[in-house]
Amino acid sequence: MTTEPHGIHTSDALPKSAKPASKATSHRRTIHAPEVAAYWAERRRYLERIRRVPEVRQRYWRAIGMYLLRRLLWSFGFFPVFIAFWVPFVLSSFNPVVMASDLIPLLEGFVDANPEIQANTLSTLVIAWASIGFFFLVFDFVLTPFKSPYEYEADVYMRSWEQLNHDQLPDKV
């Protein structure tokens, strides 16, 4: 018996020397390689067909645009702003009066400083904003990958294809 990746068995017959380790493994449904190959061949054919459909292609580009916009807004809009307000708020023990009394002298010092120091401070803030944004953007792309409308359509089609072909195939014991 050979095992494909993900534990898919390609043969019903066990060699005489191989015995099931437990009852759970002996009752596992065996999937034959031709059935798996037919599934993936049909999925590829269906994906090739729907890639030519203009409505699905338009939905694909719209989904990519919305995905990128959401990721950028979360990474550069929400997280840096949240951290910029949350960290000082935590450091002031959730007391806005203490936070304001700590920040007002800093803001007065910024306003009274010469333009060179102000420009340096602003560039430091922009660098901090961008670094926090890019940090969260990378992890956001990793944690929430893009879900293609093509793949969704193929999943729906393949579920119905499995139902139709499962009904036509004889039951295997």
N, C-alpha and C. Protein backbone atom coordinates (compact mmCIF):
# COMPACT_ATOMS: atom_id res chain seq x y z
N MET A 1 0.86 -1.17 0.00
CA MET A 1 0.00 0.00 0.00
C MET A 1 0.89 1.22 0.00
N THR A 2 0.65 2.13 -0.92
CA THR A 2 1.42 3.37 -0.96
C THR A 2 0.56 4.50 -0.46
N THR A 3 1.21 5.43 0.18
CA THR A 3 0.48 6.57 0.73
C THR A 3 0.95 7.83 0.03
N GLU A 4 0.02 8.55 -0.55
CA GLU A 4 0.30 9.84 -1.18
C GLU A 4 0.40 10.89 -0.08
N PRO A 5 0.83 12.12 -0.43
CA PRO A 5 0.80 13.18 0.57
C PRO A 5 -0.61 13.37 1.12
N HIS A 6 -0.73 13.77 2.31
CA HIS A 6 -1.99 14.00 3.03
C HIS A 6 -2.68 12.69 3.37
N GLY A 7 -1.98 11.58 3.37
CA GLY A 7 -2.55 10.31 3.83
C GLY A 7 -3.54 9.68 2.88
N ILE A 8 -3.46 9.95 1.58
CA ILE A 8 -4.36 9.35 0.62
C ILE A 8 -3.76 8.01 0.20
N HIS A 9 -4.50 6.93 0.40
CA HIS A 9 -4.02 5.60 0.07
C HIS A 9 -4.40 5.28 -1.36
N THR A 10 -3.46 4.68 -2.10
CA THR A 10 -3.72 4.41 -3.50
C THR A 10 -4.06 2.95 -3.78
N SER A 11 -4.18 2.12 -2.76
CA SER A 11 -4.50 0.72 -2.99
C SER A 11 -5.40 0.22 -1.87
N ASP A 12 -6.34 -0.67 -2.22
CA ASP A 12 -7.20 -1.26 -1.20
C ASP A 12 -6.49 -2.38 -0.45
N ALA A 13 -5.66 -3.11 -1.16
CA ALA A 13 -5.05 -4.30 -0.57
C ALA A 13 -3.85 -3.94 0.28
N LEU A 14 -3.82 -4.50 1.47
CA LEU A 14 -2.67 -4.33 2.35
C LEU A 14 -1.70 -5.47 2.09
N PRO A 15 -0.40 -5.21 2.13
CA PRO A 15 0.53 -6.34 2.06
C PRO A 15 0.30 -7.25 3.25
N LYS A 16 0.66 -8.52 3.11
CA LYS A 16 0.40 -9.49 4.18
C LYS A 16 1.15 -9.14 5.45
N SER A 17 2.31 -8.50 5.31
CA SER A 17 3.09 -8.16 6.51
C SER A 17 2.54 -6.92 7.20
N ALA A 18 1.78 -6.09 6.49
CA ALA A 18 1.26 -4.86 7.09
C ALA A 18 -0.09 -5.13 7.72
N LYS A 19 -0.23 -4.79 8.98
CA LYS A 19 -1.50 -4.94 9.68
C LYS A 19 -1.92 -3.58 10.20
N PRO A 20 -3.22 -3.31 10.22
CA PRO A 20 -3.65 -2.01 10.72
C PRO A 20 -3.26 -1.82 12.18
N ALA A 21 -2.82 -0.60 12.49
CA ALA A 21 -2.37 -0.31 13.85
C ALA A 21 -3.53 -0.22 14.82
N SER A 22 -4.65 0.26 14.37
CA SER A 22 -5.82 0.36 15.24
C SER A 22 -7.07 0.24 14.39
N LYS A 23 -8.21 0.19 15.07
CA LYS A 23 -9.46 0.09 14.33
C LYS A 23 -9.75 1.36 13.55
N ALA A 24 -9.29 2.51 14.07
CA ALA A 24 -9.55 3.78 13.40
C ALA A 24 -8.88 3.81 12.03
N THR A 25 -7.66 3.29 11.92
CA THR A 25 -6.98 3.30 10.63
C THR A 25 -7.53 2.23 9.70
N SER A 26 -8.07 1.15 10.22
CA SER A 26 -8.59 0.11 9.35
C SER A 26 -9.93 0.51 8.74
N HIS A 27 -10.66 1.44 9.34
CA HIS A 27 -11.95 1.87 8.81
C HIS A 27 -11.83 3.11 7.94
N ARG A 28 -10.62 3.58 7.72
CA ARG A 28 -10.41 4.79 6.91
C ARG A 28 -10.84 4.51 5.48
N ARG A 29 -11.54 5.47 4.87
CA ARG A 29 -11.99 5.31 3.49
C ARG A 29 -10.78 5.45 2.58
N THR A 30 -10.62 4.53 1.67
CA THR A 30 -9.50 4.53 0.76
C THR A 30 -9.90 5.25 -0.52
N ILE A 31 -9.07 6.18 -0.96
CA ILE A 31 -9.32 6.92 -2.19
C ILE A 31 -8.32 6.43 -3.23
N HIS A 32 -8.81 6.07 -4.38
CA HIS A 32 -7.95 5.54 -5.43
C HIS A 32 -7.33 6.68 -6.23
N ALA A 33 -6.14 6.46 -6.73
CA ALA A 33 -5.41 7.48 -7.48
C ALA A 33 -6.16 7.93 -8.74
N PRO A 34 -6.80 7.03 -9.50
CA PRO A 34 -7.53 7.52 -10.68
C PRO A 34 -8.66 8.49 -10.32
N GLU A 35 -9.34 8.25 -9.20
CA GLU A 35 -10.40 9.17 -8.78
C GLU A 35 -9.84 10.54 -8.44
N VAL A 36 -8.70 10.55 -7.76
CA VAL A 36 -8.07 11.82 -7.39
C VAL A 36 -7.59 12.54 -8.64
N ALA A 37 -6.99 11.80 -9.57
CA ALA A 37 -6.52 12.40 -10.81
C ALA A 37 -7.68 12.96 -11.62
N ALA A 38 -8.80 12.25 -11.66
CA ALA A 38 -9.98 12.73 -12.38
C ALA A 38 -10.51 14.01 -11.74
N TYR A 39 -10.51 14.05 -10.42
CA TYR A 39 -10.98 15.24 -9.70
C TYR A 39 -10.14 16.46 -10.09
N TRP A 40 -8.80 16.32 -10.02
CA TRP A 40 -7.94 17.47 -10.30
C TRP A 40 -7.95 17.83 -11.78
N ALA A 41 -8.11 16.85 -12.66
CA ALA A 41 -8.20 17.15 -14.09
C ALA A 41 -9.48 17.93 -14.38
N GLU A 42 -10.59 17.51 -13.79
CA GLU A 42 -11.85 18.22 -13.98
C GLU A 42 -11.77 19.63 -13.39
N ARG A 43 -11.12 19.78 -12.26
CA ARG A 43 -10.97 21.11 -11.63
C ARG A 43 -10.14 22.03 -12.54
N ARG A 44 -9.05 21.50 -13.11
CA ARG A 44 -8.23 22.31 -14.02
C ARG A 44 -9.03 22.71 -15.25
N ARG A 45 -9.79 21.77 -15.82
CA ARG A 45 -10.61 22.09 -17.00
C ARG A 45 -11.64 23.16 -16.66
N TYR A 46 -12.27 23.05 -15.50
CA TYR A 46 -13.28 24.03 -15.11
C TYR A 46 -12.64 25.41 -14.89
N LEU A 47 -11.49 25.45 -14.25
CA LEU A 47 -10.80 26.73 -14.04
C LEU A 47 -10.42 27.38 -15.37
N GLU A 48 -9.97 26.57 -16.34
CA GLU A 48 -9.65 27.12 -17.66
C GLU A 48 -10.89 27.69 -18.33
N ARG A 49 -12.04 27.02 -18.16
CA ARG A 49 -13.28 27.51 -18.75
C ARG A 49 -13.74 28.82 -18.12
N ILE A 50 -13.71 28.90 -16.77
CA ILE A 50 -14.26 30.10 -16.14
C ILE A 50 -13.29 31.28 -16.21
N ARG A 51 -12.03 31.05 -16.51
CA ARG A 51 -11.10 32.18 -16.68
C ARG A 51 -11.46 32.99 -17.92
N ARG A 52 -12.20 32.42 -18.84
CA ARG A 52 -12.62 33.14 -20.05
C ARG A 52 -13.92 33.92 -19.85
N VAL A 53 -14.58 33.75 -18.72
CA VAL A 53 -15.87 34.42 -18.48
C VAL A 53 -15.59 35.84 -17.99
N PRO A 54 -16.07 36.87 -18.71
CA PRO A 54 -15.76 38.25 -18.33
C PRO A 54 -16.30 38.65 -16.95
N GLU A 55 -17.47 38.15 -16.57
CA GLU A 55 -18.03 38.52 -15.27
C GLU A 55 -17.16 38.03 -14.12
N VAL A 56 -16.66 36.81 -14.25
CA VAL A 56 -15.82 36.26 -13.19
C VAL A 56 -14.47 36.98 -13.17
N ARG A 57 -13.95 37.31 -14.36
CA ARG A 57 -12.69 38.06 -14.44
C ARG A 57 -12.84 39.43 -13.79
N GLN A 58 -13.98 40.09 -14.05
CA GLN A 58 -14.23 41.40 -13.43
C GLN A 58 -14.36 41.25 -11.91
N ARG A 59 -15.04 40.20 -11.47
CA ARG A 59 -15.16 39.94 -10.03
C ARG A 59 -13.78 39.67 -9.41
N TYR A 60 -12.91 39.00 -10.16
CA TYR A 60 -11.55 38.70 -9.70
C TYR A 60 -10.77 40.00 -9.46
N TRP A 61 -10.79 40.91 -10.44
CA TRP A 61 -10.03 42.16 -10.29
C TRP A 61 -10.63 43.04 -9.20
N ARG A 62 -11.95 43.03 -9.07
CA ARG A 62 -12.58 43.79 -8.00
C ARG A 62 -12.20 43.20 -6.64
N ALA A 63 -12.15 41.88 -6.55
CA ALA A 63 -11.77 41.22 -5.29
C ALA A 63 -10.32 41.52 -4.93
N ILE A 64 -9.43 41.53 -5.93
CA ILE A 64 -8.03 41.88 -5.65
C ILE A 64 -7.93 43.31 -5.16
N GLY A 65 -8.65 44.23 -5.81
CA GLY A 65 -8.63 45.63 -5.38
C GLY A 65 -9.14 45.81 -3.96
N MET A 66 -10.25 45.17 -3.65
CA MET A 66 -10.81 45.28 -2.29
C MET A 66 -9.89 44.64 -1.27
N TYR A 67 -9.28 43.51 -1.62
CA TYR A 67 -8.35 42.84 -0.70
C TYR A 67 -7.16 43.75 -0.39
N LEU A 68 -6.55 44.31 -1.44
CA LEU A 68 -5.39 45.19 -1.22
C LEU A 68 -5.78 46.45 -0.45
N LEU A 69 -6.94 47.03 -0.78
CA LEU A 69 -7.39 48.23 -0.07
C LEU A 69 -7.63 47.93 1.41
N ARG A 70 -8.28 46.81 1.69
CA ARG A 70 -8.52 46.43 3.10
C ARG A 70 -7.21 46.22 3.85
N ARG A 71 -6.29 45.49 3.23
CA ARG A 71 -5.00 45.22 3.88
C ARG A 71 -4.25 46.52 4.13
N LEU A 72 -4.23 47.43 3.15
CA LEU A 72 -3.51 48.70 3.31
C LEU A 72 -4.16 49.58 4.38
N LEU A 73 -5.49 49.64 4.37
CA LEU A 73 -6.17 50.46 5.38
C LEU A 73 -5.94 49.93 6.79
N TRP A 74 -6.02 48.61 6.96
CA TRP A 74 -5.77 48.04 8.28
C TRP A 74 -4.33 48.27 8.71
N SER A 75 -3.39 48.03 7.79
CA SER A 75 -1.98 48.08 8.16
C SER A 75 -1.47 49.49 8.37
N PHE A 76 -1.90 50.43 7.53
CA PHE A 76 -1.38 51.80 7.63
C PHE A 76 -2.37 52.75 8.30
N GLY A 77 -3.62 52.36 8.42
CA GLY A 77 -4.61 53.23 9.03
C GLY A 77 -4.91 52.87 10.47
N PHE A 78 -5.31 51.64 10.68
CA PHE A 78 -5.76 51.26 12.02
C PHE A 78 -4.62 51.00 12.98
N PHE A 79 -3.71 50.10 12.63
CA PHE A 79 -2.69 49.66 13.59
C PHE A 79 -1.76 50.78 14.05
N PRO A 80 -1.19 51.62 13.17
CA PRO A 80 -0.34 52.71 13.68
C PRO A 80 -1.10 53.70 14.56
N VAL A 81 -2.33 54.02 14.17
CA VAL A 81 -3.13 54.95 14.99
C VAL A 81 -3.46 54.31 16.33
N PHE A 82 -3.84 53.06 16.31
CA PHE A 82 -4.16 52.36 17.55
C PHE A 82 -2.95 52.32 18.47
N ILE A 83 -1.79 51.98 17.94
CA ILE A 83 -0.58 51.91 18.76
C ILE A 83 -0.19 53.30 19.25
N ALA A 84 -0.33 54.32 18.39
CA ALA A 84 0.05 55.69 18.79
C ALA A 84 -0.80 56.20 19.94
N PHE A 85 -2.05 55.78 20.03
CA PHE A 85 -2.89 56.23 21.14
C PHE A 85 -2.92 55.24 22.29
N TRP A 86 -2.83 53.96 21.99
CA TRP A 86 -2.96 52.95 23.04
C TRP A 86 -1.74 52.91 23.95
N VAL A 87 -0.55 52.95 23.38
CA VAL A 87 0.67 52.86 24.19
C VAL A 87 0.76 54.01 25.19
N PRO A 88 0.58 55.27 24.79
CA PRO A 88 0.60 56.34 25.80
C PRO A 88 -0.54 56.22 26.82
N PHE A 89 -1.68 55.73 26.35
CA PHE A 89 -2.81 55.57 27.26
C PHE A 89 -2.51 54.52 28.32
N VAL A 90 -1.85 53.43 27.92
CA VAL A 90 -1.46 52.39 28.88
C VAL A 90 -0.39 52.93 29.82
N LEU A 91 0.58 53.65 29.28
CA LEU A 91 1.66 54.19 30.11
C LEU A 91 1.15 55.22 31.12
N SER A 92 0.03 55.86 30.81
CA SER A 92 -0.54 56.82 31.76
C SER A 92 -1.57 56.16 32.66
N SER A 93 -1.56 54.85 32.73
CA SER A 93 -2.47 54.06 33.58
C SER A 93 -3.94 54.33 33.26
N PHE A 94 -4.24 54.47 31.99
CA PHE A 94 -5.61 54.69 31.50
C PHE A 94 -6.24 55.96 32.09
N ASN A 95 -5.42 56.93 32.39
CA ASN A 95 -5.90 58.20 32.93
C ASN A 95 -5.63 59.28 31.89
N PRO A 96 -6.67 59.79 31.22
CA PRO A 96 -6.45 60.79 30.17
C PRO A 96 -5.86 62.10 30.69
N VAL A 97 -6.11 62.44 31.95
CA VAL A 97 -5.55 63.67 32.52
C VAL A 97 -4.03 63.55 32.62
N VAL A 98 -3.57 62.40 33.08
CA VAL A 98 -2.12 62.17 33.18
C VAL A 98 -1.51 62.16 31.79
N MET A 99 -2.19 61.53 30.83
CA MET A 99 -1.68 61.48 29.46
C MET A 99 -1.57 62.88 28.88
N ALA A 100 -2.60 63.70 29.07
CA ALA A 100 -2.57 65.07 28.54
C ALA A 100 -1.49 65.89 29.23
N SER A 101 -1.35 65.74 30.55
CA SER A 101 -0.32 66.52 31.26
C SER A 101 1.09 66.09 30.85
N ASP A 102 1.27 64.85 30.41
CA ASP A 102 2.57 64.41 29.91
C ASP A 102 2.82 64.88 28.48
N LEU A 103 1.77 64.90 27.66
CA LEU A 103 1.94 65.23 26.25
C LEU A 103 1.97 66.72 25.96
N ILE A 104 1.29 67.54 26.76
CA ILE A 104 1.24 68.99 26.49
C ILE A 104 2.63 69.61 26.51
N PRO A 105 3.50 69.32 27.49
CA PRO A 105 4.86 69.90 27.42
C PRO A 105 5.64 69.42 26.19
N LEU A 106 5.43 68.18 25.78
CA LEU A 106 6.11 67.69 24.57
C LEU A 106 5.64 68.45 23.33
N LEU A 107 4.33 68.67 23.23
CA LEU A 107 3.80 69.41 22.08
C LEU A 107 4.24 70.87 22.10
N GLU A 108 4.29 71.48 23.28
CA GLU A 108 4.78 72.87 23.38
C GLU A 108 6.25 72.95 22.97
N GLY A 109 7.03 71.97 23.39
CA GLY A 109 8.44 71.93 23.00
C GLY A 109 8.60 71.77 21.49
N PHE A 110 7.72 70.99 20.87
CA PHE A 110 7.76 70.81 19.42
C PHE A 110 7.43 72.12 18.71
N VAL A 111 6.40 72.83 19.19
CA VAL A 111 5.99 74.09 18.55
C VAL A 111 7.07 75.16 18.73
N ASP A 112 7.72 75.19 19.87
CA ASP A 112 8.74 76.21 20.15
C ASP A 112 10.09 75.89 19.50
N ALA A 113 10.28 74.69 18.99
CA ALA A 113 11.56 74.29 18.41
C ALA A 113 11.76 74.94 17.05
N ASN A 114 13.03 74.95 16.60
CA ASN A 114 13.30 75.53 15.28
C ASN A 114 12.82 74.57 14.19
N PRO A 115 12.66 75.06 12.96
CA PRO A 115 12.10 74.25 11.87
C PRO A 115 12.91 72.98 11.57
N GLU A 116 14.21 73.03 11.78
CA GLU A 116 15.03 71.85 11.50
C GLU A 116 14.69 70.70 12.45
N ILE A 117 14.50 71.01 13.72
CA ILE A 117 14.13 69.99 14.70
C ILE A 117 12.71 69.50 14.44
N GLN A 118 11.82 70.41 14.06
CA GLN A 118 10.45 70.00 13.73
C GLN A 118 10.44 69.05 12.53
N ALA A 119 11.22 69.36 11.50
CA ALA A 119 11.29 68.49 10.32
C ALA A 119 11.87 67.13 10.69
N ASN A 120 12.89 67.13 11.55
CA ASN A 120 13.49 65.87 11.99
C ASN A 120 12.47 65.03 12.78
N THR A 121 11.69 65.69 13.64
CA THR A 121 10.68 64.99 14.43
C THR A 121 9.59 64.41 13.52
N LEU A 122 9.14 65.21 12.55
CA LEU A 122 8.10 64.73 11.63
C LEU A 122 8.60 63.57 10.77
N SER A 123 9.86 63.66 10.31
CA SER A 123 10.38 62.55 9.50
C SER A 123 10.52 61.28 10.35
N THR A 124 10.86 61.43 11.63
CA THR A 124 10.93 60.27 12.52
C THR A 124 9.55 59.65 12.70
N LEU A 125 8.53 60.49 12.85
CA LEU A 125 7.16 59.98 12.99
C LEU A 125 6.70 59.26 11.71
N VAL A 126 7.05 59.82 10.55
CA VAL A 126 6.68 59.18 9.29
C VAL A 126 7.39 57.84 9.14
N ILE A 127 8.66 57.78 9.51
CA ILE A 127 9.40 56.51 9.44
C ILE A 127 8.78 55.49 10.40
N ALA A 128 8.42 55.93 11.60
CA ALA A 128 7.79 55.02 12.56
C ALA A 128 6.44 54.52 12.02
N TRP A 129 5.65 55.44 11.46
CA TRP A 129 4.35 55.08 10.89
C TRP A 129 4.53 54.04 9.77
N ALA A 130 5.48 54.31 8.86
CA ALA A 130 5.70 53.39 7.74
C ALA A 130 6.22 52.04 8.21
N SER A 131 7.12 52.04 9.18
CA SER A 131 7.67 50.75 9.64
C SER A 131 6.61 49.92 10.34
N ILE A 132 5.78 50.55 11.15
CA ILE A 132 4.68 49.81 11.79
C ILE A 132 3.70 49.31 10.73
N GLY A 133 3.38 50.17 9.76
CA GLY A 133 2.46 49.78 8.69
C GLY A 133 2.98 48.62 7.87
N PHE A 134 4.25 48.68 7.45
CA PHE A 134 4.81 47.58 6.66
C PHE A 134 4.93 46.31 7.47
N PHE A 135 5.26 46.42 8.74
CA PHE A 135 5.33 45.25 9.61
C PHE A 135 3.98 44.54 9.64
N PHE A 136 2.91 45.31 9.89
CA PHE A 136 1.58 44.70 9.94
C PHE A 136 1.10 44.27 8.56
N LEU A 137 1.53 44.96 7.51
CA LEU A 137 1.13 44.59 6.15
C LEU A 137 1.67 43.21 5.78
N VAL A 138 2.93 42.95 6.11
CA VAL A 138 3.53 41.65 5.80
C VAL A 138 2.78 40.55 6.54
N PHE A 139 2.55 40.74 7.83
CA PHE A 139 1.86 39.70 8.58
C PHE A 139 0.40 39.59 8.19
N ASP A 140 -0.20 40.69 7.75
CA ASP A 140 -1.58 40.64 7.29
C ASP A 140 -1.69 39.83 6.01
N PHE A 141 -0.73 39.99 5.09
CA PHE A 141 -0.74 39.18 3.86
C PHE A 141 -0.54 37.70 4.18
N VAL A 142 0.28 37.40 5.18
CA VAL A 142 0.53 36.00 5.53
C VAL A 142 -0.68 35.40 6.24
N LEU A 143 -1.27 36.14 7.17
CA LEU A 143 -2.36 35.60 7.98
C LEU A 143 -3.70 35.57 7.26
N THR A 144 -3.91 36.48 6.31
CA THR A 144 -5.17 36.51 5.56
C THR A 144 -4.87 36.48 4.07
N PRO A 145 -4.58 35.31 3.51
CA PRO A 145 -4.26 35.23 2.08
C PRO A 145 -5.48 35.56 1.22
N PHE A 146 -5.21 35.93 -0.01
CA PHE A 146 -6.26 36.29 -0.96
C PHE A 146 -7.05 35.06 -1.35
N LYS A 147 -8.37 35.20 -1.33
CA LYS A 147 -9.26 34.11 -1.75
C LYS A 147 -9.82 34.47 -3.12
N SER A 148 -9.37 33.76 -4.12
CA SER A 148 -9.75 34.06 -5.49
C SER A 148 -11.19 33.65 -5.77
N PRO A 149 -11.95 34.49 -6.48
CA PRO A 149 -13.30 34.08 -6.90
C PRO A 149 -13.26 32.85 -7.82
N TYR A 150 -12.17 32.70 -8.56
CA TYR A 150 -12.04 31.50 -9.40
C TYR A 150 -12.00 30.24 -8.54
N GLU A 151 -11.23 30.29 -7.48
CA GLU A 151 -11.12 29.13 -6.60
C GLU A 151 -12.46 28.84 -5.91
N TYR A 152 -13.17 29.90 -5.51
CA TYR A 152 -14.47 29.71 -4.88
C TYR A 152 -15.44 29.05 -5.86
N GLU A 153 -15.47 29.56 -7.09
CA GLU A 153 -16.36 28.97 -8.11
C GLU A 153 -15.98 27.52 -8.37
N ALA A 154 -14.67 27.24 -8.42
CA ALA A 154 -14.23 25.87 -8.65
C ALA A 154 -14.60 24.97 -7.48
N ASP A 155 -14.50 25.47 -6.25
CA ASP A 155 -14.88 24.67 -5.09
C ASP A 155 -16.37 24.30 -5.14
N VAL A 156 -17.20 25.28 -5.48
CA VAL A 156 -18.65 25.02 -5.56
C VAL A 156 -18.94 24.01 -6.67
N TYR A 157 -18.31 24.20 -7.82
CA TYR A 157 -18.52 23.28 -8.94
C TYR A 157 -18.05 21.87 -8.58
N MET A 158 -16.90 21.77 -7.93
CA MET A 158 -16.34 20.45 -7.63
C MET A 158 -17.17 19.73 -6.56
N ARG A 159 -17.80 20.47 -5.66
CA ARG A 159 -18.70 19.80 -4.70
C ARG A 159 -19.86 19.14 -5.44
N SER A 160 -20.44 19.86 -6.40
CA SER A 160 -21.54 19.27 -7.16
C SER A 160 -21.02 18.14 -8.06
N TRP A 161 -19.83 18.30 -8.61
CA TRP A 161 -19.23 17.25 -9.44
C TRP A 161 -19.00 15.99 -8.62
N GLU A 162 -18.51 16.15 -7.39
CA GLU A 162 -18.31 15.00 -6.51
C GLU A 162 -19.63 14.29 -6.22
N GLN A 163 -20.68 15.07 -5.97
CA GLN A 163 -21.99 14.47 -5.70
C GLN A 163 -22.47 13.67 -6.91
N LEU A 164 -22.36 14.26 -8.09
CA LEU A 164 -22.82 13.55 -9.29
C LEU A 164 -21.99 12.30 -9.54
N ASN A 165 -20.69 12.40 -9.42
CA ASN A 165 -19.84 11.24 -9.69
C ASN A 165 -19.87 10.23 -8.57
N HIS A 166 -20.10 10.67 -7.35
CA HIS A 166 -20.20 9.73 -6.23
C HIS A 166 -21.44 8.87 -6.38
N ASP A 167 -22.53 9.47 -6.87
CA ASP A 167 -23.77 8.70 -7.06
C ASP A 167 -23.60 7.66 -8.18
N GLN A 168 -22.74 7.95 -9.16
CA GLN A 168 -22.57 7.03 -10.27
C GLN A 168 -21.58 5.91 -9.95
N LEU A 169 -20.67 6.16 -9.02
CA LEU A 169 -19.67 5.15 -8.69
C LEU A 169 -20.26 4.11 -7.74
N PRO A 170 -19.87 2.85 -7.89
CA PRO A 170 -20.36 1.84 -6.94
C PRO A 170 -19.71 2.05 -5.58
N ASP A 171 -20.43 1.68 -4.53
CA ASP A 171 -19.89 1.80 -3.18
C ASP A 171 -18.74 0.82 -3.00
N LYS A 172 -17.70 1.30 -2.34
CA LYS A 172 -16.56 0.43 -2.06
C LYS A 172 -16.56 0.16 -0.57
N VAL A 173 -16.27 -1.06 -0.22
CA VAL A 173 -16.27 -1.46 1.19
C VAL A 173 -14.88 -1.40 1.73
